[in-house]
């Protein structure tokens, strides 16, 4: 397993929206510095819902991009969904909260899943894309940076499974549209989830 692509984005407008967004990511060459805030040079504009220490990095697997390409009938280029990292050989459906991904320099810890929004739908030119995103159940994942350093295409990646009972990204995505039970809430709050998710569950 290795880093396939690293991507960053600059403030731009997407069709049908008046605000600027950093969702349009593009691959960069060479190594990029990554710290608790994310990749150096990457723009995160809607700080209420995106970014921050617990959502510093958004990642997908190459298996996910291949599946999306088949679903959409065209090649989905890295960065299309706003992801910062594409990991070669990874299927994000198998990733769980608390899993870690380690390179020689960087250590990431999975905190939550990506959920679709109006900006993503506008980016894809499909107002119903959120429903499609839920149905595909390949949401990728957000991660916090436990050890900062540089990261770039070709860097070997070790996937370290969470040592304990956890939840997968598709399972977590599915809970977004359902009423969470007390048992599910207690289970999630015991995991190293993002502070946004923790606040939503506690509230």
Protein backbone atom coordinates (compact mmCIF):
# COMPACT_ATOMS: atom_id res chain seq x y z
CA UNK A 1 0.00 0.00 0.00
CA UNK A 2 1.29 3.46 -0.85
CA UNK A 3 0.27 7.07 -1.35
CA UNK A 4 -0.97 7.31 -4.92
CA UNK A 5 -1.67 11.05 -5.07
CA UNK A 6 -1.63 14.08 -2.78
CA UNK A 7 -4.05 16.90 -3.60
CA UNK A 8 -4.64 20.47 -2.46
CA UNK A 9 -7.18 23.08 -3.52
CA UNK A 10 -7.44 26.83 -3.92
CA UNK A 11 -10.55 29.00 -3.36
CA UNK A 12 -12.89 28.75 -6.34
CA UNK A 13 -16.59 28.97 -7.11
CA UNK A 14 -18.56 25.95 -8.27
CA UNK A 15 -21.51 26.22 -10.70
CA UNK A 16 -24.68 27.51 -9.09
CA UNK A 17 -23.00 28.77 -5.91
CA UNK A 18 -21.94 32.32 -5.04
CA UNK A 19 -19.48 31.41 -2.32
CA UNK A 20 -15.94 30.18 -2.81
CA UNK A 21 -14.89 26.70 -1.78
CA UNK A 22 -11.71 24.65 -1.59
CA UNK A 23 -13.40 21.44 -2.79
CA UNK A 24 -11.65 21.55 -6.16
CA UNK A 25 -8.46 19.68 -5.36
CA UNK A 26 -5.66 18.91 -7.80
CA UNK A 27 -2.64 16.61 -7.56
CA UNK A 28 0.68 18.16 -6.60
CA UNK A 29 4.16 16.91 -7.39
CA UNK A 30 6.76 16.27 -4.75
CA UNK A 31 6.38 16.00 -0.99
CA UNK A 32 3.93 18.20 0.93
CA UNK A 33 4.19 19.23 4.57
CA UNK A 34 1.33 17.97 6.69
CA UNK A 35 0.60 19.01 10.26
CA UNK A 36 -2.36 19.15 12.67
CA UNK A 37 -4.15 21.58 10.32
CA UNK A 38 -3.77 19.45 7.19
CA UNK A 39 -1.71 19.79 4.02
CA UNK A 40 0.29 22.97 3.63
CA UNK A 41 -1.27 25.19 0.97
CA UNK A 42 -4.67 23.51 1.01
CA UNK A 43 -7.67 25.84 1.33
CA UNK A 44 -10.51 25.05 3.73
CA UNK A 45 -13.07 27.87 3.71
CA UNK A 46 -16.18 26.54 5.49
CA UNK A 47 -14.63 25.98 8.90
CA UNK A 48 -17.98 25.23 10.51
CA UNK A 49 -18.27 21.89 8.74
CA UNK A 50 -14.81 21.20 7.34
CA UNK A 51 -11.22 21.18 8.50
CA UNK A 52 -9.89 21.45 12.01
CA UNK A 53 -7.61 19.08 13.92
CA UNK A 54 -10.04 16.13 13.76
CA UNK A 55 -10.77 16.54 10.06
CA UNK A 56 -7.33 17.66 8.95
CA UNK A 57 -7.11 15.17 6.08
CA UNK A 58 -9.72 13.63 3.81
CA UNK A 59 -8.69 10.41 2.09
CA UNK A 60 -10.02 7.89 -0.41
CA UNK A 61 -8.66 4.62 -1.73
CA UNK A 62 -7.79 3.88 -5.34
CA UNK A 63 -10.41 1.11 -5.18
CA UNK A 64 -13.03 3.76 -4.40
CA UNK A 65 -12.05 5.95 -7.35
CA UNK A 66 -12.17 2.94 -9.68
CA UNK A 67 -15.65 2.05 -8.42
CA UNK A 68 -16.85 5.64 -8.84
CA UNK A 69 -15.42 5.73 -12.37
CA UNK A 70 -17.45 2.61 -13.24
CA UNK A 71 -20.57 4.09 -11.61
CA UNK A 72 -20.32 7.44 -13.40
CA UNK A 73 -19.13 6.04 -16.72
CA UNK A 74 -16.06 8.27 -16.85
CA UNK A 75 -12.66 8.48 -15.23
CA UNK A 76 -12.87 10.12 -11.83
CA UNK A 77 -9.64 12.02 -11.38
CA UNK A 78 -7.92 12.29 -7.97
CA UNK A 79 -9.24 15.29 -6.04
CA UNK A 80 -12.70 15.17 -7.61
CA UNK A 81 -14.45 14.67 -4.27
CA UNK A 82 -12.18 17.09 -2.44
CA UNK A 83 -9.86 14.39 -1.13
CA UNK A 84 -6.33 15.26 -0.03
CA UNK A 85 -4.94 11.75 -0.30
CA UNK A 86 -5.55 8.74 -2.49
CA UNK A 87 -4.09 5.52 -1.08
CA UNK A 88 -3.22 2.86 -3.63
CA UNK A 89 -4.94 -0.48 -3.04
CA UNK A 90 -7.23 0.79 -0.31
CA UNK A 91 -11.01 0.22 -0.19
CA UNK A 92 -12.48 2.79 2.20
CA UNK A 93 -15.45 0.52 2.92
CA UNK A 94 -13.09 -1.51 5.11
CA UNK A 95 -11.69 1.45 7.05
CA UNK A 96 -12.87 1.84 10.65
CA UNK A 97 -12.87 4.64 13.19
CA UNK A 98 -9.59 4.49 15.09
CA UNK A 99 -7.61 2.86 12.27
CA UNK A 100 -4.24 4.43 11.65
CA UNK A 101 -2.24 5.01 8.48
CA UNK A 102 1.49 5.48 8.81
CA UNK A 103 4.23 6.56 6.41
CA UNK A 104 7.88 7.07 7.28
CA UNK A 105 7.07 10.60 8.48
CA UNK A 106 3.34 10.90 9.09
CA UNK A 107 0.82 9.13 11.33
CA UNK A 108 -2.92 9.58 10.74
CA UNK A 109 -5.87 8.39 12.85
CA UNK A 110 -9.35 7.92 11.36
CA UNK A 111 -11.99 10.02 13.13
CA UNK A 112 -15.13 10.06 10.98
CA UNK A 113 -16.66 9.56 7.57
CA UNK A 114 -17.33 12.06 4.84
CA UNK A 115 -20.97 13.03 4.36
CA UNK A 116 -22.23 14.60 1.12
CA UNK A 117 -23.23 18.26 0.98
CA UNK A 118 -24.70 20.78 -1.45
CA UNK A 119 -21.22 21.93 -2.45
CA UNK A 120 -20.24 18.40 -3.48
CA UNK A 121 -23.47 18.07 -5.47
CA UNK A 122 -22.72 21.35 -7.24
CA UNK A 123 -19.15 20.21 -7.88
CA UNK A 124 -20.51 17.05 -9.53
CA UNK A 125 -23.20 18.94 -11.46
CA UNK A 126 -25.94 16.73 -10.01
CA UNK A 127 -28.43 18.08 -7.43
CA UNK A 128 -29.29 14.47 -6.47
CA UNK A 129 -25.69 13.43 -5.99
CA UNK A 130 -26.01 13.20 -2.20
CA UNK A 131 -28.44 10.28 -2.58
CA UNK A 132 -26.06 8.59 -4.99
CA UNK A 133 -23.19 9.12 -2.56
CA UNK A 134 -25.11 7.40 0.25
CA UNK A 135 -26.05 4.50 -2.03
CA UNK A 136 -22.48 3.90 -3.18
CA UNK A 137 -21.29 3.75 0.44
CA UNK A 138 -17.69 4.61 -0.48
CA UNK A 139 -17.40 7.83 1.55
CA UNK A 140 -13.72 7.86 2.36
CA UNK A 141 -12.62 9.09 5.74
CA UNK A 142 -11.39 12.05 7.75
CA UNK A 143 -8.31 11.76 9.92
CA UNK A 144 -6.39 13.68 12.53
CA UNK A 145 -2.62 14.03 12.30
CA UNK A 146 -0.87 12.34 15.22
CA UNK A 147 2.60 12.88 13.80
CA UNK A 148 3.39 15.62 11.34
CA UNK A 149 5.92 15.48 8.54
CA UNK A 150 6.05 15.36 4.76
CA UNK A 151 3.98 13.14 2.52
CA UNK A 152 3.99 12.53 -1.20
CA UNK A 153 3.10 10.16 -4.00
CA UNK A 154 4.95 6.87 -3.75
CA UNK A 155 5.37 6.91 0.03
CA UNK A 156 4.75 3.43 1.50
CA UNK A 157 1.70 3.29 3.79
CA UNK A 158 1.03 0.87 6.63
CA UNK A 159 -2.61 0.33 7.63
CA UNK A 160 -2.83 -0.28 11.38
CA UNK A 161 -6.29 -1.61 12.36
CA UNK A 162 -7.96 -0.20 15.46
CA UNK A 163 -7.36 -2.40 18.50
CA UNK A 164 -10.92 -2.83 19.67
CA UNK A 165 -14.51 -2.95 18.52
CA UNK A 166 -15.08 -0.21 16.00
CA UNK A 167 -17.32 0.87 13.14
CA UNK A 168 -16.69 1.03 9.41
CA UNK A 169 -17.14 4.13 7.27
CA UNK A 170 -20.25 2.80 5.45
CA UNK A 171 -21.86 1.94 8.79
CA UNK A 172 -21.11 5.40 10.13
CA UNK A 173 -22.41 7.00 6.94
CA UNK A 174 -25.63 5.03 7.25
CA UNK A 175 -26.24 6.39 10.74
CA UNK A 176 -26.44 9.94 9.38
CA UNK A 177 -29.93 9.34 8.01
CA UNK A 178 -31.17 7.23 10.93
CA UNK A 179 -32.12 7.69 14.56
CA UNK A 180 -29.13 6.62 16.65
CA UNK A 181 -29.97 4.31 19.53
CA UNK A 182 -28.58 4.82 23.03
CA UNK A 183 -26.40 1.74 22.57
CA UNK A 184 -25.00 3.00 19.28
CA UNK A 185 -24.38 6.44 20.81
CA UNK A 186 -22.48 4.99 23.77
CA UNK A 187 -20.39 2.84 21.45
CA UNK A 188 -19.46 5.76 19.20
CA UNK A 189 -18.64 8.09 22.10
CA UNK A 190 -16.16 5.50 23.38
CA UNK A 191 -14.22 5.68 20.10
CA UNK A 192 -11.67 8.31 18.95
CA UNK A 193 -14.28 10.08 16.82
CA UNK A 194 -14.08 13.70 15.65
CA UNK A 195 -15.20 16.46 18.00
CA UNK A 196 -17.95 17.50 15.55
CA UNK A 197 -19.42 14.02 15.61
CA UNK A 198 -18.97 13.78 19.37
CA UNK A 199 -20.83 17.06 19.89
CA UNK A 200 -23.66 15.99 17.57
CA UNK A 201 -24.07 12.70 19.44
CA UNK A 202 -23.87 14.31 22.87
CA UNK A 203 -26.39 16.98 21.93
